[in-house]
Amino acid sequence: MNPRTRRLIRPLLLVSALACATPVLAQANKVDPQNLYHYWIRLNTKVNVDMPNSGLNLTKPGCVAVTYVIGSDGVPMHVQVAKVEPKSDLGSAALSAVKNFRYGPSLTNKIGQPIATYYIVPFNSPDDAAGQQKLMDACKLPGYGS
């Protein structure tokens, strides 16, 4: 191979290597939690949660919106607290719940496409449906479609 060809091939190899190394988060589509079933189905309906023993507003009704990416293996990654209403110390409890979620691909997602989504964890939710909906609405996040 002549030197000129080598000089052309090296940058092309570098560009292709960088393209393959794009983070999963940048590749994942953002999907509203209500439409997640088109891609992933949560396999475990009950998870362990690490609740704090003391802290701010632990006994008041509230919610925590947690963002994450479901990886191709069905395990949440890049798990982060995005919103807490009202201000409280329940973010760590919500994180521990979502980190324990496990998903299986839906029939329309056989390849296990990674998806960015969020989950709203309610705490001390009111008994009535209207109160529950109001609580959950406070933690909805924009930008995930409808």
C-alpha atoms as a PDB file:
ATOM      1  CA  MET A   1       0.000   0.000   0.000  1.00  0.00           C
ATOM      2  CA  ASN A   2       1.455   3.372  -0.948  1.00  0.00           C
ATOM      3  CA  PRO A   3       1.867   6.193   1.625  1.00  0.00           C
ATOM      4  CA  ARG A   4      -0.881   8.315   0.087  1.00  0.00           C
ATOM      5  CA  THR A   5      -3.454   5.527   0.440  1.00  0.00           C
ATOM      6  CA  ARG A   6      -2.391   4.963   4.063  1.00  0.00           C
ATOM      7  CA  ARG A   7      -2.916   8.649   4.826  1.00  0.00           C
ATOM      8  CA  LEU A   8      -6.459   8.433   3.456  1.00  0.00           C
ATOM      9  CA  ILE A   9      -7.364   5.169   5.183  1.00  0.00           C
ATOM     10  CA  ARG A  10      -6.250   6.168   8.693  1.00  0.00           C
ATOM     11  CA  PRO A  11      -8.653   9.137   9.028  1.00  0.00           C
ATOM     12  CA  LEU A  12     -11.489   7.045   7.602  1.00  0.00           C
ATOM     13  CA  LEU A  13     -10.847   4.302  10.151  1.00  0.00           C
ATOM     14  CA  LEU A  14     -10.738   6.869  12.942  1.00  0.00           C
ATOM     15  CA  VAL A  15     -14.035   8.439  11.855  1.00  0.00           C
ATOM     16  CA  SER A  16     -15.753   5.048  11.616  1.00  0.00           C
ATOM     17  CA  ALA A  17     -14.421   4.033  15.052  1.00  0.00           C
ATOM     18  CA  LEU A  18     -15.742   7.251  16.593  1.00  0.00           C
ATOM     19  CA  ALA A  19     -19.128   6.768  14.944  1.00  0.00           C
ATOM     20  CA  CYS A  20     -19.411   3.289  16.440  1.00  0.00           C
ATOM     21  CA  ALA A  21     -18.479   4.572  19.875  1.00  0.00           C
ATOM     22  CA  THR A  22     -21.394   7.040  20.102  1.00  0.00           C
ATOM     23  CA  PRO A  23     -22.934   6.795  23.572  1.00  0.00           C
ATOM     24  CA  VAL A  24     -26.140   4.781  23.912  1.00  0.00           C
ATOM     25  CA  LEU A  25     -27.889   7.785  25.415  1.00  0.00           C
ATOM     26  CA  ALA A  26     -27.427   9.768  22.195  1.00  0.00           C
ATOM     27  CA  GLN A  27     -28.867   6.886  20.156  1.00  0.00           C
ATOM     28  CA  ALA A  28     -31.893   6.166  22.348  1.00  0.00           C
ATOM     29  CA  ASN A  29     -35.306   7.508  21.347  1.00  0.00           C
ATOM     30  CA  LYS A  30     -37.206   9.398  24.042  1.00  0.00           C
ATOM     31  CA  VAL A  31     -40.480   7.622  24.772  1.00  0.00           C
ATOM     32  CA  ASP A  32     -43.294   8.713  27.072  1.00  0.00           C
ATOM     33  CA  PRO A  33     -43.899   6.195  29.891  1.00  0.00           C
ATOM     34  CA  GLN A  34     -47.430   5.550  28.608  1.00  0.00           C
ATOM     35  CA  ASN A  35     -46.041   4.379  25.248  1.00  0.00           C
ATOM     36  CA  LEU A  36     -43.146   2.361  26.630  1.00  0.00           C
ATOM     37  CA  TYR A  37     -45.038  -0.926  26.170  1.00  0.00           C
ATOM     38  CA  HIS A  38     -44.411  -0.627  22.413  1.00  0.00           C
ATOM     39  CA  TYR A  39     -40.704  -1.204  23.132  1.00  0.00           C
ATOM     40  CA  TRP A  40     -40.203  -2.702  26.589  1.00  0.00           C
ATOM     41  CA  ILE A  41     -42.321  -4.545  29.161  1.00  0.00           C
ATOM     42  CA  ARG A  42     -41.389  -4.354  32.825  1.00  0.00           C
ATOM     43  CA  LEU A  43     -40.835  -7.876  34.122  1.00  0.00           C
ATOM     44  CA  ASN A  44     -40.725  -7.214  37.859  1.00  0.00           C
ATOM     45  CA  THR A  45     -43.792  -5.442  39.223  1.00  0.00           C
ATOM     46  CA  LYS A  46     -42.445  -5.321  42.791  1.00  0.00           C
ATOM     47  CA  VAL A  47     -39.006  -3.984  43.700  1.00  0.00           C
ATOM     48  CA  ASN A  48     -37.147  -3.277  46.915  1.00  0.00           C
ATOM     49  CA  VAL A  49     -36.748   0.391  47.812  1.00  0.00           C
ATOM     50  CA  ASP A  50     -34.142   1.849  50.158  1.00  0.00           C
ATOM     51  CA  MET A  51     -36.171   4.400  52.161  1.00  0.00           C
ATOM     52  CA  PRO A  52     -34.393   7.045  54.236  1.00  0.00           C
ATOM     53  CA  ASN A  53     -35.045   6.887  58.001  1.00  0.00           C
ATOM     54  CA  SER A  54     -35.363  10.644  58.332  1.00  0.00           C
ATOM     55  CA  GLY A  55     -35.441  13.667  56.082  1.00  0.00           C
ATOM     56  CA  LEU A  56     -37.468  16.485  54.563  1.00  0.00           C
ATOM     57  CA  ASN A  57     -41.166  15.839  53.720  1.00  0.00           C
ATOM     58  CA  LEU A  58     -40.934  12.047  53.955  1.00  0.00           C
ATOM     59  CA  THR A  59     -44.543  11.671  55.141  1.00  0.00           C
ATOM     60  CA  LYS A  60     -46.196  14.209  52.811  1.00  0.00           C
ATOM     61  CA  PRO A  61     -47.732  13.283  49.437  1.00  0.00           C
ATOM     62  CA  GLY A  62     -45.166  13.756  46.700  1.00  0.00           C
ATOM     63  CA  CYS A  63     -43.583  12.332  43.593  1.00  0.00           C
ATOM     64  CA  VAL A  64     -40.179  11.890  42.018  1.00  0.00           C
ATOM     65  CA  ALA A  65     -39.576  11.729  38.252  1.00  0.00           C
ATOM     66  CA  VAL A  66     -36.595   9.524  37.436  1.00  0.00           C
ATOM     67  CA  THR A  67     -35.066   9.498  33.941  1.00  0.00           C
ATOM     68  CA  TYR A  68     -33.171   6.513  32.575  1.00  0.00           C
ATOM     69  CA  VAL A  69     -32.261   4.556  29.477  1.00  0.00           C
ATOM     70  CA  ILE A  70     -33.352   0.952  29.119  1.00  0.00           C
ATOM     71  CA  GLY A  71     -30.291  -0.761  27.666  1.00  0.00           C
ATOM     72  CA  SER A  72     -30.425  -3.555  25.105  1.00  0.00           C
ATOM     73  CA  ASP A  73     -30.186  -6.024  28.016  1.00  0.00           C
ATOM     74  CA  GLY A  74     -33.342  -4.606  29.666  1.00  0.00           C
ATOM     75  CA  VAL A  75     -31.463  -3.032  32.575  1.00  0.00           C
ATOM     76  CA  PRO A  76     -31.891   0.687  33.404  1.00  0.00           C
ATOM     77  CA  MET A  77     -28.768   2.818  33.040  1.00  0.00           C
ATOM     78  CA  HIS A  78     -27.994   6.543  33.343  1.00  0.00           C
ATOM     79  CA  VAL A  79     -30.600   6.641  36.151  1.00  0.00           C
ATOM     80  CA  GLN A  80     -31.090  10.211  37.443  1.00  0.00           C
ATOM     81  CA  VAL A  81     -33.585  12.181  39.506  1.00  0.00           C
ATOM     82  CA  ALA A  82     -35.123  14.801  37.204  1.00  0.00           C
ATOM     83  CA  LYS A  83     -37.862  16.316  39.377  1.00  0.00           C
ATOM     84  CA  VAL A  84     -39.056  16.129  42.993  1.00  0.00           C
ATOM     85  CA  GLU A  85     -42.439  17.597  44.020  1.00  0.00           C
ATOM     86  CA  PRO A  86     -42.642  18.981  46.645  1.00  0.00           C
ATOM     87  CA  LYS A  87     -39.025  19.358  47.693  1.00  0.00           C
ATOM     88  CA  SER A  88     -38.116  16.286  49.760  1.00  0.00           C
ATOM     89  CA  ASP A  89     -35.440  13.715  50.497  1.00  0.00           C
ATOM     90  CA  LEU A  90     -37.236  10.943  48.580  1.00  0.00           C
ATOM     91  CA  GLY A  91     -35.053  11.140  45.454  1.00  0.00           C
ATOM     92  CA  SER A  92     -32.674   8.441  46.666  1.00  0.00           C
ATOM     93  CA  ALA A  93     -35.587   6.084  47.369  1.00  0.00           C
ATOM     94  CA  ALA A  94     -36.971   6.625  43.860  1.00  0.00           C
ATOM     95  CA  LEU A  95     -33.517   5.997  42.356  1.00  0.00           C
ATOM     96  CA  SER A  96     -33.189   2.718  44.237  1.00  0.00           C
ATOM     97  CA  ALA A  97     -36.584   1.575  42.938  1.00  0.00           C
ATOM     98  CA  VAL A  98     -35.887   2.356  39.271  1.00  0.00           C
ATOM     99  CA  LYS A  99     -32.391   0.835  39.376  1.00  0.00           C
ATOM    100  CA  ASN A 100     -34.044  -2.469  40.315  1.00  0.00           C
ATOM    101  CA  PHE A 101     -36.459  -2.483  37.340  1.00  0.00           C
ATOM    102  CA  ARG A 102     -35.923  -5.186  34.713  1.00  0.00           C
ATOM    103  CA  TYR A 103     -37.449  -5.185  31.235  1.00  0.00           C
ATOM    104  CA  GLY A 104     -38.045  -7.601  28.410  1.00  0.00           C
ATOM    105  CA  PRO A 105     -38.388  -6.459  24.783  1.00  0.00           C
ATOM    106  CA  SER A 106     -41.889  -6.221  23.343  1.00  0.00           C
ATOM    107  CA  LEU A 107     -42.834  -8.146  20.215  1.00  0.00           C
ATOM    108  CA  THR A 108     -42.215  -5.008  18.140  1.00  0.00           C
ATOM    109  CA  ASN A 109     -38.737  -4.491  19.670  1.00  0.00           C
ATOM    110  CA  LYS A 110     -37.132  -7.887  19.125  1.00  0.00           C
ATOM    111  CA  ILE A 111     -33.702  -6.312  18.646  1.00  0.00           C
ATOM    112  CA  GLY A 112     -33.856  -4.678  22.083  1.00  0.00           C
ATOM    113  CA  GLN A 113     -33.545  -1.063  20.945  1.00  0.00           C
ATOM    114  CA  PRO A 114     -32.405   1.161  23.850  1.00  0.00           C
ATOM    115  CA  ILE A 115     -35.067   3.671  24.889  1.00  0.00           C
ATOM    116  CA  ALA A 116     -34.839   6.816  27.034  1.00  0.00           C
ATOM    117  CA  THR A 117     -37.847   7.276  29.290  1.00  0.00           C
ATOM    118  CA  TYR A 118     -38.836   8.268  32.792  1.00  0.00           C
ATOM    119  CA  TYR A 119     -40.856   6.856  35.646  1.00  0.00           C
ATOM    120  CA  ILE A 120     -42.838   8.759  38.251  1.00  0.00           C
ATOM    121  CA  VAL A 121     -42.532   7.270  41.722  1.00  0.00           C
ATOM    122  CA  PRO A 122     -45.428   8.412  43.949  1.00  0.00           C
ATOM    123  CA  PHE A 123     -45.029   8.616  47.727  1.00  0.00           C
ATOM    124  CA  ASN A 124     -47.863   8.810  50.280  1.00  0.00           C
ATOM    125  CA  SER A 125     -50.359   9.091  47.434  1.00  0.00           C
ATOM    126  CA  PRO A 126     -53.900  10.358  48.206  1.00  0.00           C
ATOM    127  CA  ASP A 127     -56.684   7.760  48.259  1.00  0.00           C
ATOM    128  CA  ASP A 128     -58.907   9.436  45.657  1.00  0.00           C
ATOM    129  CA  ALA A 129     -58.221   9.116  41.917  1.00  0.00           C
ATOM    130  CA  ALA A 130     -58.328  12.883  41.323  1.00  0.00           C
ATOM    131  CA  GLY A 131     -55.732  13.482  44.048  1.00  0.00           C
ATOM    132  CA  GLN A 132     -53.511  10.734  42.657  1.00  0.00           C
ATOM    133  CA  GLN A 133     -53.705  12.202  39.145  1.00  0.00           C
ATOM    134  CA  LYS A 134     -52.888  15.697  40.418  1.00  0.00           C
ATOM    135  CA  LEU A 135     -49.867  14.306  42.259  1.00  0.00           C
ATOM    136  CA  MET A 136     -48.591  12.441  39.175  1.00  0.00           C
ATOM    137  CA  ASP A 137     -49.197  15.421  36.859  1.00  0.00           C
ATOM    138  CA  ALA A 138     -46.820  17.517  38.988  1.00  0.00           C
ATOM    139  CA  CYS A 139     -43.930  15.228  37.996  1.00  0.00           C
ATOM    140  CA  LYS A 140     -44.585  14.821  34.256  1.00  0.00           C
ATOM    141  CA  LEU A 141     -41.575  15.707  32.132  1.00  0.00           C
ATOM    142  CA  PRO A 142     -41.676  17.484  28.746  1.00  0.00           C
ATOM    143  CA  GLY A 143     -39.876  16.214  25.671  1.00  0.00           C
ATOM    144  CA  TYR A 144     -40.858  12.547  25.764  1.00  0.00           C
ATOM    145  CA  GLY A 145     -43.722  12.644  23.274  1.00  0.00           C
ATOM    146  CA  SER A 146     -47.314  11.935  24.171  1.00  0.00           C
END
